[in-house]
Amino acid sequence: MEVMSVYYFGGQCPWNSWAIGEAKKAAGELGMAVRELDISHGTADIDLYFPFTIALEELKIAGPVPAKRLVEIIQSRGNLGFIELYKAAPNGSCTSVIPYSQGTFTDACGICTNGSYFGLEEKKGWISKLDLQHTPLVGAVGYSGDKPVAFCEAIPSLESSYAIAAESETAFITCIYNGMSEEFDYRADLFGFLFRELKYLGYSKVNVLAGIRSPFPNGPEQFFREHGFERIRKIPGTVVFQSGADEIVLLSKEI
């Protein structure tokens, strides 16, 4: 029986529980077994670059994908062609940028899940574990008036489970996303807060993974290059999203 391996980074991504459920539905339809692996403690047996990845031999499917679409992707073995280049919205200005708290990371989950708020308890649990371990988490939500429109978060690169170099002076951006339905892209307004807080904690550099064409993870690459990030390397191979394949790059910026 073919095995579908499902990798996830603890409760970092609120989509994980939903995505695992959809993966199990797809596996059942395809007659596959499912193997779940939490990569929070470096247990991945393949190189990973996303908070949620499905692996089948050489095929890697990233992000939350509905079961029906998963079946289509797997049956085609990911032969979908490259995703179209993401066209970013014009830049917007946040009225305020507020650090993570009980209320603001709830708002962050709302942005991430398009207002569904599922996975909130898992996200709270992940943050609580970081607190217990005294692991720094820098996060904030940007608001336009009273409306949450964008969020960002970063952790020490040493705490990242992805296949990238980790250094004590380097932080790693886990997420920086805009509300999908927003007319403007507010993410650039979060950088000032993020860099200031990371420098205060003693970091001199920040890394991020981004899609070349896709807004996932945290992309596209051009957004970061416009704000002073430089490409360190391109990750070998491709990853498949719901709407097509993309390539992933690691970028870095001195702060």
Protein backbone atom coordinates (compact mmCIF):
# COMPACT_ATOMS: atom_id res chain seq x y z
CA MET A 1 0.00 0.00 0.00
CA GLU A 2 1.36 3.41 -0.95
CA VAL A 3 1.96 5.73 2.00
CA MET A 4 1.05 9.42 2.10
CA SER A 5 3.43 11.18 4.48
CA VAL A 6 1.98 14.27 6.15
CA TYR A 7 4.44 16.66 7.79
CA TYR A 8 3.45 19.61 9.98
CA PHE A 9 5.21 22.12 12.24
CA GLY A 10 3.29 21.58 15.48
CA GLY A 11 0.49 24.09 15.92
CA GLN A 12 2.36 26.91 14.16
CA CYS A 13 -0.07 27.00 11.24
CA PRO A 14 -3.80 27.17 12.10
CA TRP A 15 -4.58 25.28 8.88
CA ASN A 16 -2.82 22.10 9.98
CA SER A 17 -5.74 20.19 11.54
CA TRP A 18 -8.02 20.98 8.62
CA ALA A 19 -5.31 20.06 6.11
CA ILE A 20 -4.58 16.75 7.86
CA GLY A 21 -8.29 15.91 7.75
CA GLU A 22 -8.45 16.62 4.02
CA ALA A 23 -5.30 14.55 3.43
CA LYS A 24 -6.90 11.59 5.21
CA LYS A 25 -10.04 11.89 3.07
CA ALA A 26 -7.93 11.93 -0.09
CA ALA A 27 -5.84 8.99 1.11
CA GLY A 28 -8.99 6.98 1.82
CA GLU A 29 -10.29 7.60 -1.69
CA LEU A 30 -6.95 6.63 -3.21
CA GLY A 31 -6.46 3.56 -1.02
CA MET A 32 -3.36 4.94 0.68
CA ALA A 33 -2.08 4.75 4.23
CA VAL A 34 -1.31 7.99 6.08
CA ARG A 35 1.80 8.68 8.14
CA GLU A 36 1.71 11.84 10.30
CA LEU A 37 4.97 13.48 11.41
CA ASP A 38 5.30 16.56 13.59
CA ILE A 39 8.57 18.27 12.60
CA SER A 40 8.69 20.53 15.66
CA HIS A 41 11.68 18.66 17.02
CA GLY A 42 13.59 18.08 13.81
CA THR A 43 12.07 14.67 13.10
CA ALA A 44 11.62 15.17 9.34
CA ASP A 45 13.28 12.51 7.17
CA ILE A 46 13.16 14.72 4.04
CA ASP A 47 14.00 18.38 3.46
CA LEU A 48 10.99 20.57 4.24
CA TYR A 49 10.23 24.27 3.81
CA PHE A 50 6.54 24.61 4.74
CA PRO A 51 4.48 24.31 7.93
CA PHE A 52 2.39 21.65 6.13
CA THR A 53 3.61 19.29 3.40
CA ILE A 54 2.31 16.06 1.86
CA ALA A 55 5.03 13.88 0.36
CA LEU A 56 4.62 10.99 -2.07
CA GLU A 57 7.97 9.83 -3.45
CA GLU A 58 9.27 12.90 -5.36
CA LEU A 59 5.94 14.76 -5.21
CA LYS A 60 5.60 17.47 -2.54
CA ILE A 61 2.25 19.20 -2.04
CA ALA A 62 2.28 22.24 0.25
CA GLY A 63 -0.39 24.14 2.12
CA PRO A 64 -4.04 23.40 2.79
CA VAL A 65 -5.63 21.67 -0.22
CA PRO A 66 -9.19 20.25 -0.29
CA ALA A 67 -9.42 16.47 -0.55
CA LYS A 68 -10.99 16.51 -4.02
CA ARG A 69 -8.16 18.66 -5.40
CA LEU A 70 -5.57 16.53 -3.61
CA VAL A 71 -6.86 13.46 -5.40
CA GLU A 72 -6.57 15.26 -8.75
CA ILE A 73 -3.02 16.44 -7.99
CA ILE A 74 -1.86 13.01 -6.85
CA GLN A 75 -3.44 11.21 -9.80
CA SER A 76 -1.65 13.60 -12.15
CA ARG A 77 1.54 13.26 -10.08
CA GLY A 78 1.66 17.03 -9.81
CA ASN A 79 1.82 17.61 -13.56
CA LEU A 80 -0.06 20.93 -13.37
CA GLY A 81 2.46 23.35 -14.86
CA PHE A 82 3.84 26.40 -13.07
CA ILE A 83 1.53 28.70 -11.18
CA GLU A 84 0.93 32.16 -12.66
CA LEU A 85 2.99 35.02 -11.23
CA TYR A 86 1.14 36.59 -8.31
CA LYS A 87 0.23 40.22 -8.90
CA ALA A 88 0.52 42.04 -5.60
CA ALA A 89 -2.01 44.66 -4.59
CA PRO A 90 -0.81 48.27 -4.24
CA ASN A 91 0.79 49.11 -0.90
CA GLY A 92 -1.44 50.30 1.91
CA SER A 93 -0.63 52.01 5.21
CA CYS A 94 -1.56 50.55 8.57
CA THR A 95 -3.26 52.80 11.09
CA SER A 96 -1.52 50.81 13.82
CA VAL A 97 0.78 47.82 14.31
CA ILE A 98 0.13 46.00 17.59
CA PRO A 99 2.34 43.24 19.06
CA TYR A 100 0.98 39.74 19.65
CA SER A 101 -1.29 39.33 22.65
CA GLN A 102 -4.30 37.17 23.44
CA GLY A 103 -6.43 39.36 21.20
CA THR A 104 -4.04 40.14 18.40
CA PHE A 105 -2.92 36.60 17.64
CA THR A 106 -6.61 35.70 17.47
CA ASP A 107 -6.88 38.40 14.81
CA ALA A 108 -3.81 36.94 13.09
CA CYS A 109 -5.53 33.55 12.93
CA GLY A 110 -8.58 35.24 11.46
CA ILE A 111 -6.46 36.75 8.68
CA CYS A 112 -4.67 33.45 8.06
CA THR A 113 -7.87 31.38 7.86
CA ASN A 114 -9.92 33.95 5.93
CA GLY A 115 -12.18 34.60 8.91
CA SER A 116 -12.79 30.96 9.87
CA TYR A 117 -10.61 31.00 13.03
CA PHE A 118 -10.18 27.23 13.03
CA GLY A 119 -6.88 26.06 14.48
CA LEU A 120 -6.92 28.89 17.02
CA GLU A 121 -6.53 26.60 20.04
CA GLU A 122 -3.64 24.75 18.37
CA LYS A 123 -1.98 28.09 17.64
CA LYS A 124 -2.43 29.19 21.25
CA GLY A 125 -0.88 25.90 22.39
CA TRP A 126 2.12 26.39 20.10
CA ILE A 127 2.70 29.90 21.45
CA SER A 128 2.35 28.66 25.04
CA LYS A 129 5.03 26.02 24.42
CA LEU A 130 7.40 28.69 23.12
CA ASP A 131 6.71 30.74 26.26
CA LEU A 132 7.44 27.76 28.51
CA GLN A 133 10.70 27.15 26.66
CA HIS A 134 11.58 30.87 26.88
CA THR A 135 11.82 30.91 23.08
CA PRO A 136 11.40 34.43 21.69
CA LEU A 137 8.43 34.95 19.37
CA VAL A 138 8.09 38.31 17.67
CA GLY A 139 4.65 38.82 16.19
CA ALA A 140 2.31 41.67 15.36
CA VAL A 141 -0.92 42.49 13.57
CA GLY A 142 -1.42 45.51 11.35
CA TYR A 143 -4.76 47.33 11.44
CA SER A 144 -6.55 49.66 9.08
CA GLY A 145 -8.78 51.49 11.50
CA ASP A 146 -10.17 48.69 13.69
CA LYS A 147 -9.85 46.03 11.02
CA PRO A 148 -6.97 43.53 11.15
CA VAL A 149 -5.42 43.47 7.66
CA ALA A 150 -1.96 41.84 7.92
CA PHE A 151 0.25 39.97 10.38
CA CYS A 152 3.81 38.78 10.81
CA GLU A 153 5.76 36.55 13.17
CA ALA A 154 9.37 35.44 13.56
CA ILE A 155 11.27 32.95 15.71
CA PRO A 156 14.97 32.18 16.24
CA SER A 157 16.34 30.37 13.20
CA LEU A 158 17.65 27.76 15.65
CA GLU A 159 14.02 26.86 16.40
CA SER A 160 13.07 26.40 12.74
CA SER A 161 12.48 22.84 11.57
CA TYR A 162 13.09 23.66 7.92
CA ALA A 163 16.14 22.56 5.92
CA ILE A 164 17.96 25.88 6.12
CA ALA A 165 21.08 27.02 7.95
CA ALA A 166 20.39 28.09 11.53
CA GLU A 167 22.55 30.63 13.38
CA SER A 168 22.24 32.23 16.79
CA GLU A 169 22.32 35.76 15.32
CA THR A 170 19.66 35.01 12.70
CA ALA A 171 15.89 35.19 13.10
CA PHE A 172 13.45 33.44 10.78
CA ILE A 173 10.14 34.83 9.54
CA THR A 174 7.56 32.05 9.87
CA CYS A 175 4.70 34.13 8.45
CA ILE A 176 4.01 37.51 6.91
CA TYR A 177 0.61 37.58 5.25
CA ASN A 178 -1.98 40.04 4.09
CA GLY A 179 -5.74 39.56 4.25
CA MET A 180 -6.63 37.81 0.99
CA SER A 181 -9.63 40.02 0.29
CA GLU A 182 -7.90 43.32 1.04
CA GLU A 183 -7.67 45.95 -1.69
CA PHE A 184 -4.18 46.96 -0.50
CA ASP A 185 -1.10 45.03 0.62
CA TYR A 186 -0.21 46.20 4.14
CA ARG A 187 2.72 43.87 4.84
CA ALA A 188 5.48 46.40 4.20
CA ASP A 189 4.27 48.43 7.19
CA LEU A 190 5.07 45.47 9.46
CA PHE A 191 8.77 45.40 8.65
CA GLY A 192 9.64 48.41 10.81
CA PHE A 193 8.18 46.78 13.92
CA LEU A 194 9.66 43.39 13.08
CA PHE A 195 13.21 44.58 12.46
CA ARG A 196 13.20 46.87 15.50
CA GLU A 197 12.06 44.11 17.86
CA LEU A 198 14.48 41.55 16.42
CA LYS A 199 17.42 43.95 16.76
CA TYR A 200 16.39 44.60 20.38
CA LEU A 201 16.60 40.83 20.99
CA GLY A 202 20.13 40.77 19.57
CA TYR A 203 19.56 39.51 16.03
CA SER A 204 21.57 41.01 13.18
CA LYS A 205 19.98 39.14 10.30
CA VAL A 206 16.56 37.80 9.32
CA ASN A 207 15.79 35.00 6.85
CA VAL A 208 12.58 34.06 5.07
CA LEU A 209 11.36 31.44 2.60
CA ALA A 210 9.25 32.65 -0.31
CA GLY A 211 7.71 31.36 -3.51
CA ILE A 212 9.12 32.78 -6.73
CA ARG A 213 5.67 33.14 -8.31
CA SER A 214 3.23 32.39 -5.51
CA PRO A 215 2.29 34.38 -2.40
CA PHE A 216 3.01 31.17 -0.47
CA PRO A 217 5.07 30.81 1.56
CA ASN A 218 5.22 34.52 2.31
CA GLY A 219 5.82 35.52 -1.29
CA PRO A 220 6.30 36.25 -3.96
CA GLU A 221 10.08 36.69 -3.86
CA GLN A 222 9.88 40.11 -5.52
CA PHE A 223 8.05 41.54 -2.49
CA PHE A 224 11.06 40.84 -0.27
CA ARG A 225 13.62 41.96 -2.83
CA GLU A 226 11.81 45.31 -2.99
CA HIS A 227 12.43 45.65 0.76
CA GLY A 228 16.13 44.88 0.85
CA PHE A 229 16.21 41.10 1.05
CA GLU A 230 18.69 39.20 -1.10
CA ARG A 231 18.31 35.70 -2.47
CA ILE A 232 20.66 33.28 -0.71
CA ARG A 233 19.74 30.21 -2.70
CA LYS A 234 17.03 28.52 -4.68
CA ILE A 235 15.65 25.34 -3.14
CA PRO A 236 16.11 22.34 -5.49
CA GLY A 237 12.99 20.97 -7.15
CA THR A 238 9.42 22.23 -7.11
CA VAL A 239 6.46 22.16 -4.77
CA VAL A 240 2.83 21.85 -5.83
CA PHE A 241 0.07 24.12 -4.57
CA GLN A 242 -3.65 23.93 -5.20
CA SER A 243 -3.31 25.94 -8.42
CA GLY A 244 0.06 24.76 -9.75
CA ALA A 245 3.76 24.29 -9.13
CA ASP A 246 6.31 26.82 -7.91
CA GLU A 247 9.93 27.06 -6.85
CA ILE A 248 11.06 28.24 -3.42
CA VAL A 249 13.91 30.54 -2.47
CA LEU A 250 15.65 31.47 0.78
CA LEU A 251 16.20 35.19 1.25
CA SER A 252 18.06 37.17 3.90
CA LYS A 253 18.45 40.74 5.13
CA GLU A 254 20.87 42.41 7.52
CA ILE A 255 19.02 44.45 10.15
